[in-house]
Amino acid sequence: MKKKALITGITGFAGSHLADLLLGNDEYEVFGTTRPRSKTENILHIQDKLTLIDADLIDSHSLYTVLSDVKPDYIFHLAAQAFVPTSWSSPATTMEANVIGTIHLFEAVRRASINPVIQIACSSEEYGLVYMNETPITEENGFRPLSTYAVSKIGMDFLGYQYFKSYDMKIIRTRGFNHTGPRQGDVYVCSTFAKQVALIERGKAKPEIKVGNLESYRDFTDVRDIVRAYLLTVQKCEPGEVYNIASEKTWQIKKVLDMLLGMSKVRIEIKEDPARMRPSDVELLLGNAKKFRDKTGWRIEIPFEQTLKDLLDYWRAHV
């Protein structure tokens, strides 16, 4: 009998790739929550193979209805306000979606009297200001959050631990470091660079690329490797525990831009855009994923260079 997997945020970047992964395995029946305003282009190719159900994290009753009807064996909680700069312009909305929405999900599970394994997608942004002598970052690192988004993810993270301790719910927390790849929204750094290059190649934009801070370093993983990690989480990890998911290698943002520019034959000028600068920026994120690797056997399968090529090709096909 197939296991029922429910993905919150199934129409999003990681959610759509996780749905692809699960549907490629005969063991899972896939359900996903959507809202009337959800954009579905990421799942059009698989929409007839899964079950979509209207529900909103802010509407606790809708979540209860979904969980009572579906009774999932696994929940992958990926829905969130996930863009860091938005958390400065809409801090209350970010907290509501990421913290209150998570409470609503956990309470709906309790009210429905079910006991699924729940993976919650927390974030490396929780670590915030990290000093050189603290890298690679382990799960024991302290938190010095530098955005409301980071604070909201800390809240979500600790709620997962609290509901595990208080109600014995099978919640596993993953702190994913930066991930990118095809279908990523064009507000994120790798994707915005790739889209701008694709637009320039098509003659739809001037031959100049707008950038923010190029000096920071990030630990990038392909989204397809990340969702493999999410599945391994519910299969092999311990409820109540927290696990970093990271490539354990950093790339300076300037180097990422240079790599993408090197994949194009068009001559492109770099222009700094003040609007792309953040009030505060995390300068270095380098993860230590040993705990997760030892528990699951997970390894990176897709080189970062291939990730960037696939991302650029995705935008070349969509601009």
C-alpha atoms as a PDB file:
ATOM      1  CA  MET A   1       0.000   0.000   0.000  1.00  0.00           C
ATOM      2  CA  LYS A   2       1.367   3.399  -0.963  1.00  0.00           C
ATOM      3  CA  LYS A   3       2.410   5.874   1.734  1.00  0.00           C
ATOM      4  CA  LYS A   4       0.632   9.228   1.637  1.00  0.00           C
ATOM      5  CA  ALA A   5       2.959  12.243   1.433  1.00  0.00           C
ATOM      6  CA  LEU A   6       1.612  15.772   1.923  1.00  0.00           C
ATOM      7  CA  ILE A   7       3.722  18.720   0.768  1.00  0.00           C
ATOM      8  CA  THR A   8       2.873  22.225   1.943  1.00  0.00           C
ATOM      9  CA  GLY A   9       4.105  24.685  -0.671  1.00  0.00           C
ATOM     10  CA  ILE A  10       4.022  22.054  -3.428  1.00  0.00           C
ATOM     11  CA  THR A  11       3.797  24.679  -6.194  1.00  0.00           C
ATOM     12  CA  GLY A  12       6.988  26.368  -5.043  1.00  0.00           C
ATOM     13  CA  PHE A  13      10.606  25.829  -6.039  1.00  0.00           C
ATOM     14  CA  ALA A  14      11.643  23.005  -3.694  1.00  0.00           C
ATOM     15  CA  GLY A  15       8.082  21.682  -3.349  1.00  0.00           C
ATOM     16  CA  SER A  16       7.740  20.996  -7.074  1.00  0.00           C
ATOM     17  CA  HIS A  17      11.086  19.174  -7.207  1.00  0.00           C
ATOM     18  CA  LEU A  18      10.137  17.106  -4.154  1.00  0.00           C
ATOM     19  CA  ALA A  19       6.878  16.161  -5.884  1.00  0.00           C
ATOM     20  CA  ASP A  20       8.895  15.052  -8.943  1.00  0.00           C
ATOM     21  CA  LEU A  21      11.085  12.879  -6.721  1.00  0.00           C
ATOM     22  CA  LEU A  22       8.191  11.257  -4.861  1.00  0.00           C
ATOM     23  CA  LEU A  23       6.208  10.605  -8.040  1.00  0.00           C
ATOM     24  CA  GLY A  24       9.245   8.889  -9.524  1.00  0.00           C
ATOM     25  CA  ASN A  25       8.880   6.278  -6.791  1.00  0.00           C
ATOM     26  CA  ASP A  26       5.893   3.925  -6.740  1.00  0.00           C
ATOM     27  CA  GLU A  27       5.859   3.940  -2.943  1.00  0.00           C
ATOM     28  CA  TYR A  28       4.169   7.336  -2.552  1.00  0.00           C
ATOM     29  CA  GLU A  29       0.815   8.941  -3.200  1.00  0.00           C
ATOM     30  CA  VAL A  30       1.399  12.700  -3.340  1.00  0.00           C
ATOM     31  CA  PHE A  31      -0.867  15.452  -2.006  1.00  0.00           C
ATOM     32  CA  GLY A  32      -0.149  19.166  -1.891  1.00  0.00           C
ATOM     33  CA  THR A  33      -1.688  22.269  -0.387  1.00  0.00           C
ATOM     34  CA  THR A  34      -2.352  25.267  -2.626  1.00  0.00           C
ATOM     35  CA  ARG A  35      -4.059  28.634  -2.337  1.00  0.00           C
ATOM     36  CA  PRO A  36      -6.285  30.283  -4.972  1.00  0.00           C
ATOM     37  CA  ARG A  37      -3.458  32.704  -5.824  1.00  0.00           C
ATOM     38  CA  SER A  38      -0.795  29.953  -6.071  1.00  0.00           C
ATOM     39  CA  LYS A  39       1.064  29.860  -9.376  1.00  0.00           C
ATOM     40  CA  THR A  40       1.045  26.323 -10.729  1.00  0.00           C
ATOM     41  CA  GLU A  41       3.482  26.462 -13.649  1.00  0.00           C
ATOM     42  CA  ASN A  42       6.112  24.509 -11.653  1.00  0.00           C
ATOM     43  CA  ILE A  43       3.826  21.468 -11.433  1.00  0.00           C
ATOM     44  CA  LEU A  44       1.921  21.603 -14.728  1.00  0.00           C
ATOM     45  CA  HIS A  45       3.892  18.606 -16.005  1.00  0.00           C
ATOM     46  CA  ILE A  46       2.768  16.438 -13.061  1.00  0.00           C
ATOM     47  CA  GLN A  47      -0.570  17.982 -12.072  1.00  0.00           C
ATOM     48  CA  ASP A  48      -2.573  14.946 -13.226  1.00  0.00           C
ATOM     49  CA  LYS A  49      -0.456  12.631 -11.055  1.00  0.00           C
ATOM     50  CA  LEU A  50      -1.051  14.305  -7.689  1.00  0.00           C
ATOM     51  CA  THR A  51      -3.896  15.615  -5.574  1.00  0.00           C
ATOM     52  CA  LEU A  52      -4.040  19.357  -4.894  1.00  0.00           C
ATOM     53  CA  ILE A  53      -6.134  20.646  -2.009  1.00  0.00           C
ATOM     54  CA  ASP A  54      -6.932  24.261  -1.129  1.00  0.00           C
ATOM     55  CA  ALA A  55      -5.541  25.208   2.274  1.00  0.00           C
ATOM     56  CA  ASP A  56      -3.820  28.210   3.800  1.00  0.00           C
ATOM     57  CA  LEU A  57      -1.332  28.150   6.674  1.00  0.00           C
ATOM     58  CA  ILE A  58      -3.103  31.163   8.157  1.00  0.00           C
ATOM     59  CA  ASP A  59      -6.446  29.327   8.104  1.00  0.00           C
ATOM     60  CA  SER A  60      -6.166  26.659  10.791  1.00  0.00           C
ATOM     61  CA  HIS A  61      -9.535  25.108   9.938  1.00  0.00           C
ATOM     62  CA  SER A  62      -8.544  24.510   6.312  1.00  0.00           C
ATOM     63  CA  LEU A  63      -5.416  22.681   7.468  1.00  0.00           C
ATOM     64  CA  TYR A  64      -7.430  20.543   9.881  1.00  0.00           C
ATOM     65  CA  THR A  65      -9.852  19.627   7.093  1.00  0.00           C
ATOM     66  CA  VAL A  66      -7.012  18.573   4.789  1.00  0.00           C
ATOM     67  CA  LEU A  67      -5.248  16.493   7.426  1.00  0.00           C
ATOM     68  CA  SER A  68      -8.459  14.816   8.576  1.00  0.00           C
ATOM     69  CA  ASP A  69      -9.295  13.844   4.998  1.00  0.00           C
ATOM     70  CA  VAL A  70      -5.846  12.796   3.764  1.00  0.00           C
ATOM     71  CA  LYS A  71      -4.351  11.337   6.974  1.00  0.00           C
ATOM     72  CA  PRO A  72      -0.803  11.561   5.577  1.00  0.00           C
ATOM     73  CA  ASP A  73       2.011   9.268   6.663  1.00  0.00           C
ATOM     74  CA  TYR A  74       4.550  12.006   5.909  1.00  0.00           C
ATOM     75  CA  ILE A  75       4.314  15.795   5.928  1.00  0.00           C
ATOM     76  CA  PHE A  76       6.959  17.937   4.253  1.00  0.00           C
ATOM     77  CA  HIS A  77       6.434  21.478   5.535  1.00  0.00           C
ATOM     78  CA  LEU A  78       7.971  23.679   2.834  1.00  0.00           C
ATOM     79  CA  ALA A  79       5.412  26.505   2.574  1.00  0.00           C
ATOM     80  CA  ALA A  80       6.834  29.793   3.845  1.00  0.00           C
ATOM     81  CA  GLN A  81       7.596  33.411   3.125  1.00  0.00           C
ATOM     82  CA  ALA A  82      11.073  32.458   1.954  1.00  0.00           C
ATOM     83  CA  PHE A  83      12.664  35.611   0.496  1.00  0.00           C
ATOM     84  CA  VAL A  84      14.936  37.371   2.990  1.00  0.00           C
ATOM     85  CA  PRO A  85      14.532  40.972   1.630  1.00  0.00           C
ATOM     86  CA  THR A  86      10.729  40.679   1.839  1.00  0.00           C
ATOM     87  CA  SER A  87      11.095  40.128   5.564  1.00  0.00           C
ATOM     88  CA  TRP A  88      12.368  43.690   5.933  1.00  0.00           C
ATOM     89  CA  SER A  89       9.492  45.224   3.993  1.00  0.00           C
ATOM     90  CA  SER A  90       6.869  42.853   5.474  1.00  0.00           C
ATOM     91  CA  PRO A  91       8.191  41.618   8.816  1.00  0.00           C
ATOM     92  CA  ALA A  92       4.781  40.907  10.381  1.00  0.00           C
ATOM     93  CA  THR A  93       3.608  38.958   7.329  1.00  0.00           C
ATOM     94  CA  THR A  94       6.817  36.915   7.415  1.00  0.00           C
ATOM     95  CA  MET A  95       6.333  36.055  11.084  1.00  0.00           C
ATOM     96  CA  GLU A  96       2.677  35.192  10.521  1.00  0.00           C
ATOM     97  CA  ALA A  97       3.346  32.848   7.613  1.00  0.00           C
ATOM     98  CA  ASN A  98       6.393  31.124   9.057  1.00  0.00           C
ATOM     99  CA  VAL A  99       5.631  31.008  12.790  1.00  0.00           C
ATOM    100  CA  ILE A 100       1.846  31.208  13.171  1.00  0.00           C
ATOM    101  CA  GLY A 101       1.425  29.067  10.055  1.00  0.00           C
ATOM    102  CA  THR A 102       3.631  26.377  11.590  1.00  0.00           C
ATOM    103  CA  ILE A 103       1.638  26.465  14.833  1.00  0.00           C
ATOM    104  CA  HIS A 104      -1.559  26.055  12.825  1.00  0.00           C
ATOM    105  CA  LEU A 105      -0.081  23.030  11.044  1.00  0.00           C
ATOM    106  CA  PHE A 106       1.052  21.346  14.258  1.00  0.00           C
ATOM    107  CA  GLU A 107      -2.266  22.045  15.983  1.00  0.00           C
ATOM    108  CA  ALA A 108      -4.164  20.672  12.983  1.00  0.00           C
ATOM    109  CA  VAL A 109      -2.124  17.453  13.228  1.00  0.00           C
ATOM    110  CA  ARG A 110      -3.051  17.162  16.902  1.00  0.00           C
ATOM    111  CA  ARG A 111      -6.745  17.869  16.301  1.00  0.00           C
ATOM    112  CA  ALA A 112      -6.866  15.320  13.480  1.00  0.00           C
ATOM    113  CA  SER A 113      -5.442  12.682  15.872  1.00  0.00           C
ATOM    114  CA  ILE A 114      -2.816  11.509  13.392  1.00  0.00           C
ATOM    115  CA  ASN A 115       0.868  10.843  13.960  1.00  0.00           C
ATOM    116  CA  PRO A 116       2.796  11.430  10.711  1.00  0.00           C
ATOM    117  CA  VAL A 117       6.524  11.930  10.382  1.00  0.00           C
ATOM    118  CA  ILE A 118       6.945  15.686   9.784  1.00  0.00           C
ATOM    119  CA  GLN A 119       9.962  17.315   8.161  1.00  0.00           C
ATOM    120  CA  ILE A 120      10.117  21.083   8.620  1.00  0.00           C
ATOM    121  CA  ALA A 121      12.374  23.126   6.350  1.00  0.00           C
ATOM    122  CA  CYS A 122      14.273  25.493   8.610  1.00  0.00           C
ATOM    123  CA  SER A 123      17.215  27.568   7.373  1.00  0.00           C
ATOM    124  CA  SER A 124      20.932  28.261   7.648  1.00  0.00           C
ATOM    125  CA  GLU A 125      19.930  31.941   7.904  1.00  0.00           C
ATOM    126  CA  GLU A 126      19.154  31.210  11.558  1.00  0.00           C
ATOM    127  CA  TYR A 127      22.898  31.191  12.287  1.00  0.00           C
ATOM    128  CA  GLY A 128      23.205  34.755  10.981  1.00  0.00           C
ATOM    129  CA  LEU A 129      26.427  36.488  11.959  1.00  0.00           C
ATOM    130  CA  VAL A 130      29.045  33.746  11.943  1.00  0.00           C
ATOM    131  CA  TYR A 131      32.707  34.299  12.755  1.00  0.00           C
ATOM    132  CA  MET A 132      35.484  32.620  10.780  1.00  0.00           C
ATOM    133  CA  ASN A 133      36.523  30.504  13.761  1.00  0.00           C
ATOM    134  CA  GLU A 134      32.977  29.078  13.914  1.00  0.00           C
ATOM    135  CA  THR A 135      33.034  27.528  10.440  1.00  0.00           C
ATOM    136  CA  PRO A 136      32.096  25.046   9.138  1.00  0.00           C
ATOM    137  CA  ILE A 137      28.815  25.646  10.978  1.00  0.00           C
ATOM    138  CA  THR A 138      27.531  22.713  13.013  1.00  0.00           C
ATOM    139  CA  GLU A 139      24.074  22.295  14.530  1.00  0.00           C
ATOM    140  CA  GLU A 140      25.581  23.453  17.843  1.00  0.00           C
ATOM    141  CA  ASN A 141      26.415  26.958  16.569  1.00  0.00           C
ATOM    142  CA  GLY A 142      24.585  29.796  18.283  1.00  0.00           C
ATOM    143  CA  PHE A 143      22.086  32.058  16.534  1.00  0.00           C
ATOM    144  CA  ARG A 144      22.789  35.716  15.666  1.00  0.00           C
ATOM    145  CA  PRO A 145      19.928  36.368  13.193  1.00  0.00           C
ATOM    146  CA  LEU A 146      20.291  39.294  10.789  1.00  0.00           C
ATOM    147  CA  SER A 147      16.782  39.404   9.294  1.00  0.00           C
ATOM    148  CA  THR A 148      13.180  38.945  10.343  1.00  0.00           C
ATOM    149  CA  TYR A 149      13.153  35.917   8.063  1.00  0.00           C
ATOM    150  CA  ALA A 150      15.940  34.364  10.136  1.00  0.00           C
ATOM    151  CA  VAL A 151      14.064  35.120  13.359  1.00  0.00           C
ATOM    152  CA  SER A 152      10.905  33.541  11.921  1.00  0.00           C
ATOM    153  CA  LYS A 153      12.819  30.386  11.023  1.00  0.00           C
ATOM    154  CA  ILE A 154      14.292  30.196  14.536  1.00  0.00           C
ATOM    155  CA  GLY A 155      10.735  30.378  15.855  1.00  0.00           C
ATOM    156  CA  MET A 156       9.631  27.617  13.496  1.00  0.00           C
ATOM    157  CA  ASP A 157      12.683  25.529  14.411  1.00  0.00           C
ATOM    158  CA  PHE A 158      12.081  25.782  18.155  1.00  0.00           C
ATOM    159  CA  LEU A 159       8.356  25.124  17.748  1.00  0.00           C
ATOM    160  CA  GLY A 160       9.314  21.856  16.092  1.00  0.00           C
ATOM    161  CA  TYR A 161      11.411  20.912  19.103  1.00  0.00           C
ATOM    162  CA  GLN A 162       8.747  22.063  21.572  1.00  0.00           C
ATOM    163  CA  TYR A 163       5.915  20.115  19.928  1.00  0.00           C
ATOM    164  CA  PHE A 164       8.151  17.033  19.814  1.00  0.00           C
ATOM    165  CA  LYS A 165       8.873  17.322  23.548  1.00  0.00           C
ATOM    166  CA  SER A 166       5.393  18.412  24.617  1.00  0.00           C
ATOM    167  CA  TYR A 167       3.251  16.123  22.466  1.00  0.00           C
ATOM    168  CA  ASP A 168       5.649  13.422  21.225  1.00  0.00           C
ATOM    169  CA  MET A 169       5.056  14.488  17.621  1.00  0.00           C
ATOM    170  CA  LYS A 170       7.501  12.993  15.112  1.00  0.00           C
ATOM    171  CA  ILE A 171       9.004  16.288  13.939  1.00  0.00           C
ATOM    172  CA  ILE A 172      12.445  16.445  12.327  1.00  0.00           C
ATOM    173  CA  ARG A 173      14.082  19.807  11.669  1.00  0.00           C
ATOM    174  CA  THR A 174      16.368  20.407   8.698  1.00  0.00           C
ATOM    175  CA  ARG A 175      18.482  23.546   8.363  1.00  0.00           C
ATOM    176  CA  GLY A 176      19.059  23.781   4.651  1.00  0.00           C
ATOM    177  CA  PHE A 177      21.846  25.987   3.357  1.00  0.00           C
ATOM    178  CA  ASN A 178      21.396  27.881   0.084  1.00  0.00           C
ATOM    179  CA  HIS A 179      19.962  25.844  -2.766  1.00  0.00           C
ATOM    180  CA  THR A 180      19.321  26.762  -6.367  1.00  0.00           C
ATOM    181  CA  GLY A 181      18.476  25.241  -9.731  1.00  0.00           C
ATOM    182  CA  PRO A 182      15.760  25.205 -12.411  1.00  0.00           C
ATOM    183  CA  ARG A 183      12.410  26.808 -11.462  1.00  0.00           C
ATOM    184  CA  GLN A 184      13.875  29.044  -8.751  1.00  0.00           C
ATOM    185  CA  GLY A 185      12.161  32.415  -8.524  1.00  0.00           C
ATOM    186  CA  ASP A 186      13.943  35.304 -10.193  1.00  0.00           C
ATOM    187  CA  VAL A 187      14.373  37.246  -6.946  1.00  0.00           C
ATOM    188  CA  TYR A 188      17.085  34.860  -5.703  1.00  0.00           C
ATOM    189  CA  VAL A 189      20.696  35.612  -6.492  1.00  0.00           C
ATOM    190  CA  CYS A 190      21.691  32.766  -8.852  1.00  0.00           C
ATOM    191  CA  SER A 191      18.337  32.822 -10.594  1.00  0.00           C
ATOM    192  CA  THR A 192      18.215  36.592 -11.091  1.00  0.00           C
ATOM    193  CA  PHE A 193      21.702  36.509 -12.624  1.00  0.00           C
ATOM    194  CA  ALA A 194      20.717  33.641 -14.941  1.00  0.00           C
ATOM    195  CA  LYS A 195      17.470  35.284 -16.012  1.00  0.00           C
ATOM    196  CA  GLN A 196      19.215  38.575 -16.775  1.00  0.00           C
ATOM    197  CA  VAL A 197      21.807  36.763 -18.910  1.00  0.00           C
ATOM    198  CA  ALA A 198      19.031  34.931 -20.792  1.00  0.00           C
ATOM    199  CA  LEU A 199      17.146  38.178 -21.416  1.00  0.00           C
ATOM    200  CA  ILE A 200      20.299  39.870 -22.711  1.00  0.00           C
ATOM    201  CA  GLU A 201      21.029  36.923 -25.019  1.00  0.00           C
ATOM    202  CA  ARG A 202      17.520  37.249 -26.489  1.00  0.00           C
ATOM    203  CA  GLY A 203      17.974  40.991 -27.031  1.00  0.00           C
ATOM    204  CA  LYS A 204      15.229  41.737 -24.510  1.00  0.00           C
ATOM    205  CA  ALA A 205      17.481  43.714 -22.141  1.00  0.00           C
ATOM    206  CA  LYS A 206      20.498  45.994 -22.370  1.00  0.00           C
ATOM    207  CA  PRO A 207      23.841  44.161 -22.126  1.00  0.00           C
ATOM    208  CA  GLU A 208      24.308  44.993 -18.454  1.00  0.00           C
ATOM    209  CA  ILE A 209      23.545  42.913 -15.391  1.00  0.00           C
ATOM    210  CA  LYS A 210      22.328  44.513 -12.135  1.00  0.00           C
ATOM    211  CA  VAL A 211      23.886  43.208  -8.934  1.00  0.00           C
ATOM    212  CA  GLY A 212      23.863  43.708  -5.184  1.00  0.00           C
ATOM    213  CA  ASN A 213      26.582  42.603  -2.762  1.00  0.00           C
ATOM    214  CA  LEU A 214      29.033  40.319  -4.586  1.00  0.00           C
ATOM    215  CA  GLU A 215      31.428  39.842  -1.681  1.00  0.00           C
ATOM    216  CA  SER A 216      29.514  37.367   0.495  1.00  0.00           C
ATOM    217  CA  TYR A 217      30.093  33.615   0.436  1.00  0.00           C
ATOM    218  CA  ARG A 218      27.350  30.985   0.288  1.00  0.00           C
ATOM    219  CA  ASP A 219      27.164  27.211   0.540  1.00  0.00           C
ATOM    220  CA  PHE A 220      25.106  26.208  -2.538  1.00  0.00           C
ATOM    221  CA  THR A 221      23.431  22.850  -3.155  1.00  0.00           C
ATOM    222  CA  ASP A 222      21.355  21.809  -6.161  1.00  0.00           C
ATOM    223  CA  VAL A 223      17.654  21.743  -5.267  1.00  0.00           C
ATOM    224  CA  ARG A 224      17.412  18.188  -6.608  1.00  0.00           C
ATOM    225  CA  ASP A 225      20.023  17.068  -4.075  1.00  0.00           C
ATOM    226  CA  ILE A 226      18.195  19.018  -1.362  1.00  0.00           C
ATOM    227  CA  VAL A 227      14.854  17.272  -1.946  1.00  0.00           C
ATOM    228  CA  ARG A 228      16.599  13.890  -1.912  1.00  0.00           C
ATOM    229  CA  ALA A 229      17.809  14.932   1.520  1.00  0.00           C
ATOM    230  CA  TYR A 230      14.268  15.838   2.594  1.00  0.00           C
ATOM    231  CA  LEU A 231      13.034  12.372   1.660  1.00  0.00           C
ATOM    232  CA  LEU A 232      15.924  10.705   3.491  1.00  0.00           C
ATOM    233  CA  THR A 233      15.022  12.832   6.512  1.00  0.00           C
ATOM    234  CA  VAL A 234      11.608  11.216   6.999  1.00  0.00           C
ATOM    235  CA  GLN A 235      12.998   7.769   6.147  1.00  0.00           C
ATOM    236  CA  LYS A 236      16.087   7.673   8.348  1.00  0.00           C
ATOM    237  CA  CYS A 237      16.386  10.608  10.783  1.00  0.00           C
ATOM    238  CA  GLU A 238      15.401  10.866  14.446  1.00  0.00           C
ATOM    239  CA  PRO A 239      12.333  12.876  15.540  1.00  0.00           C
ATOM    240  CA  GLY A 240      13.310  15.795  17.753  1.00  0.00           C
ATOM    241  CA  GLU A 241      16.717  16.132  16.135  1.00  0.00           C
ATOM    242  CA  VAL A 242      18.009  18.901  13.866  1.00  0.00           C
ATOM    243  CA  TYR A 243      20.223  18.378  10.820  1.00  0.00           C
ATOM    244  CA  ASN A 244      22.220  20.732   8.615  1.00  0.00           C
ATOM    245  CA  ILE A 245      21.926  20.026   4.884  1.00  0.00           C
ATOM    246  CA  ALA A 246      24.830  21.593   3.012  1.00  0.00           C
ATOM    247  CA  SER A 247      27.362  21.021   0.244  1.00  0.00           C
ATOM    248  CA  GLU A 248      30.165  21.904   2.704  1.00  0.00           C
ATOM    249  CA  LYS A 249      31.755  24.191   0.109  1.00  0.00           C
ATOM    250  CA  THR A 250      31.388  27.952  -0.395  1.00  0.00           C
ATOM    251  CA  TRP A 251      31.222  30.097  -3.506  1.00  0.00           C
ATOM    252  CA  GLN A 252      31.698  33.853  -3.507  1.00  0.00           C
ATOM    253  CA  ILE A 253      28.735  35.529  -5.205  1.00  0.00           C
ATOM    254  CA  LYS A 254      31.129  37.299  -7.583  1.00  0.00           C
ATOM    255  CA  LYS A 255      32.477  33.889  -8.658  1.00  0.00           C
ATOM    256  CA  VAL A 256      28.923  32.639  -9.261  1.00  0.00           C
ATOM    257  CA  LEU A 257      28.280  35.641 -11.504  1.00  0.00           C
ATOM    258  CA  ASP A 258      31.553  35.088 -13.368  1.00  0.00           C
ATOM    259  CA  MET A 259      30.647  31.440 -13.979  1.00  0.00           C
ATOM    260  CA  LEU A 260      27.260  32.362 -15.449  1.00  0.00           C
ATOM    261  CA  LEU A 261      28.761  35.116 -17.600  1.00  0.00           C
ATOM    262  CA  GLY A 262      31.322  32.573 -18.825  1.00  0.00           C
ATOM    263  CA  MET A 263      28.480  30.380 -20.082  1.00  0.00           C
ATOM    264  CA  SER A 264      27.303  33.135 -22.428  1.00  0.00           C
ATOM    265  CA  LYS A 265      28.935  34.437 -25.599  1.00  0.00           C
ATOM    266  CA  VAL A 266      27.395  37.896 -25.125  1.00  0.00           C
ATOM    267  CA  ARG A 267      29.573  40.660 -23.686  1.00  0.00           C
ATOM    268  CA  ILE A 268      27.832  41.903 -20.515  1.00  0.00           C
ATOM    269  CA  GLU A 269      28.676  44.828 -18.232  1.00  0.00           C
ATOM    270  CA  ILE A 270      28.187  44.577 -14.459  1.00  0.00           C
ATOM    271  CA  LYS A 271      26.192  47.399 -12.798  1.00  0.00           C
ATOM    272  CA  GLU A 272      25.760  47.778  -9.037  1.00  0.00           C
ATOM    273  CA  ASP A 273      22.113  48.350  -8.067  1.00  0.00           C
ATOM    274  CA  PRO A 274      21.591  50.047  -4.657  1.00  0.00           C
ATOM    275  CA  ALA A 275      18.065  48.578  -4.511  1.00  0.00           C
ATOM    276  CA  ARG A 276      19.614  45.103  -4.344  1.00  0.00           C
ATOM    277  CA  MET A 277      21.673  45.900  -1.251  1.00  0.00           C
ATOM    278  CA  ARG A 278      20.368  44.580   2.083  1.00  0.00           C
ATOM    279  CA  PRO A 279      20.233  46.506   5.400  1.00  0.00           C
ATOM    280  CA  SER A 280      22.421  43.736   6.841  1.00  0.00           C
ATOM    281  CA  ASP A 281      23.893  40.747   5.069  1.00  0.00           C
ATOM    282  CA  VAL A 282      25.304  37.447   6.251  1.00  0.00           C
ATOM    283  CA  GLU A 283      28.858  37.476   4.911  1.00  0.00           C
ATOM    284  CA  LEU A 284      29.668  33.779   5.236  1.00  0.00           C
ATOM    285  CA  LEU A 285      27.592  30.598   5.383  1.00  0.00           C
ATOM    286  CA  LEU A 286      29.533  27.332   5.257  1.00  0.00           C
ATOM    287  CA  GLY A 287      27.779  24.272   6.602  1.00  0.00           C
ATOM    288  CA  ASN A 288      28.926  21.088   8.282  1.00  0.00           C
ATOM    289  CA  ALA A 289      26.512  18.311   7.260  1.00  0.00           C
ATOM    290  CA  LYS A 290      28.393  15.415   8.908  1.00  0.00           C
ATOM    291  CA  LYS A 291      25.538  14.589  11.289  1.00  0.00           C
ATOM    292  CA  PHE A 292      23.109  14.243   8.378  1.00  0.00           C
ATOM    293  CA  ARG A 293      25.572  12.398   6.132  1.00  0.00           C
ATOM    294  CA  ASP A 294      26.397   9.884   8.862  1.00  0.00           C
ATOM    295  CA  LYS A 295      22.718   9.245   9.572  1.00  0.00           C
ATOM    296  CA  THR A 296      21.483   8.901   5.983  1.00  0.00           C
ATOM    297  CA  GLY A 297      24.435   8.300   3.654  1.00  0.00           C
ATOM    298  CA  TRP A 298      23.419  11.377   1.637  1.00  0.00           C
ATOM    299  CA  ARG A 299      25.989  12.852  -0.720  1.00  0.00           C
ATOM    300  CA  ILE A 300      26.019  15.634  -3.301  1.00  0.00           C
ATOM    301  CA  GLU A 301      25.366  14.170  -6.765  1.00  0.00           C
ATOM    302  CA  ILE A 302      25.064  17.283  -8.958  1.00  0.00           C
ATOM    303  CA  PRO A 303      28.150  19.553  -9.323  1.00  0.00           C
ATOM    304  CA  PHE A 304      27.471  23.261  -8.853  1.00  0.00           C
ATOM    305  CA  GLU A 305      28.665  24.034 -12.366  1.00  0.00           C
ATOM    306  CA  GLN A 306      25.954  21.717 -13.725  1.00  0.00           C
ATOM    307  CA  THR A 307      23.374  23.374 -11.475  1.00  0.00           C
ATOM    308  CA  LEU A 308      24.197  26.802 -12.919  1.00  0.00           C
ATOM    309  CA  LYS A 309      24.107  25.481 -16.493  1.00  0.00           C
ATOM    310  CA  ASP A 310      20.687  23.880 -15.898  1.00  0.00           C
ATOM    311  CA  LEU A 311      19.427  27.095 -14.304  1.00  0.00           C
ATOM    312  CA  LEU A 312      20.621  29.233 -17.214  1.00  0.00           C
ATOM    313  CA  ASP A 313      19.098  26.799 -19.717  1.00  0.00           C
ATOM    314  CA  TYR A 314      15.825  26.938 -17.777  1.00  0.00           C
ATOM    315  CA  TRP A 315      15.678  30.738 -18.158  1.00  0.00           C
ATOM    316  CA  ARG A 316      16.751  30.557 -21.798  1.00  0.00           C
ATOM    317  CA  ALA A 317      13.631  28.443 -22.360  1.00  0.00           C
ATOM    318  CA  HIS A 318      11.345  30.733 -20.331  1.00  0.00           C
ATOM    319  CA  VAL A 319      12.201  34.352 -21.235  1.00  0.00           C
END
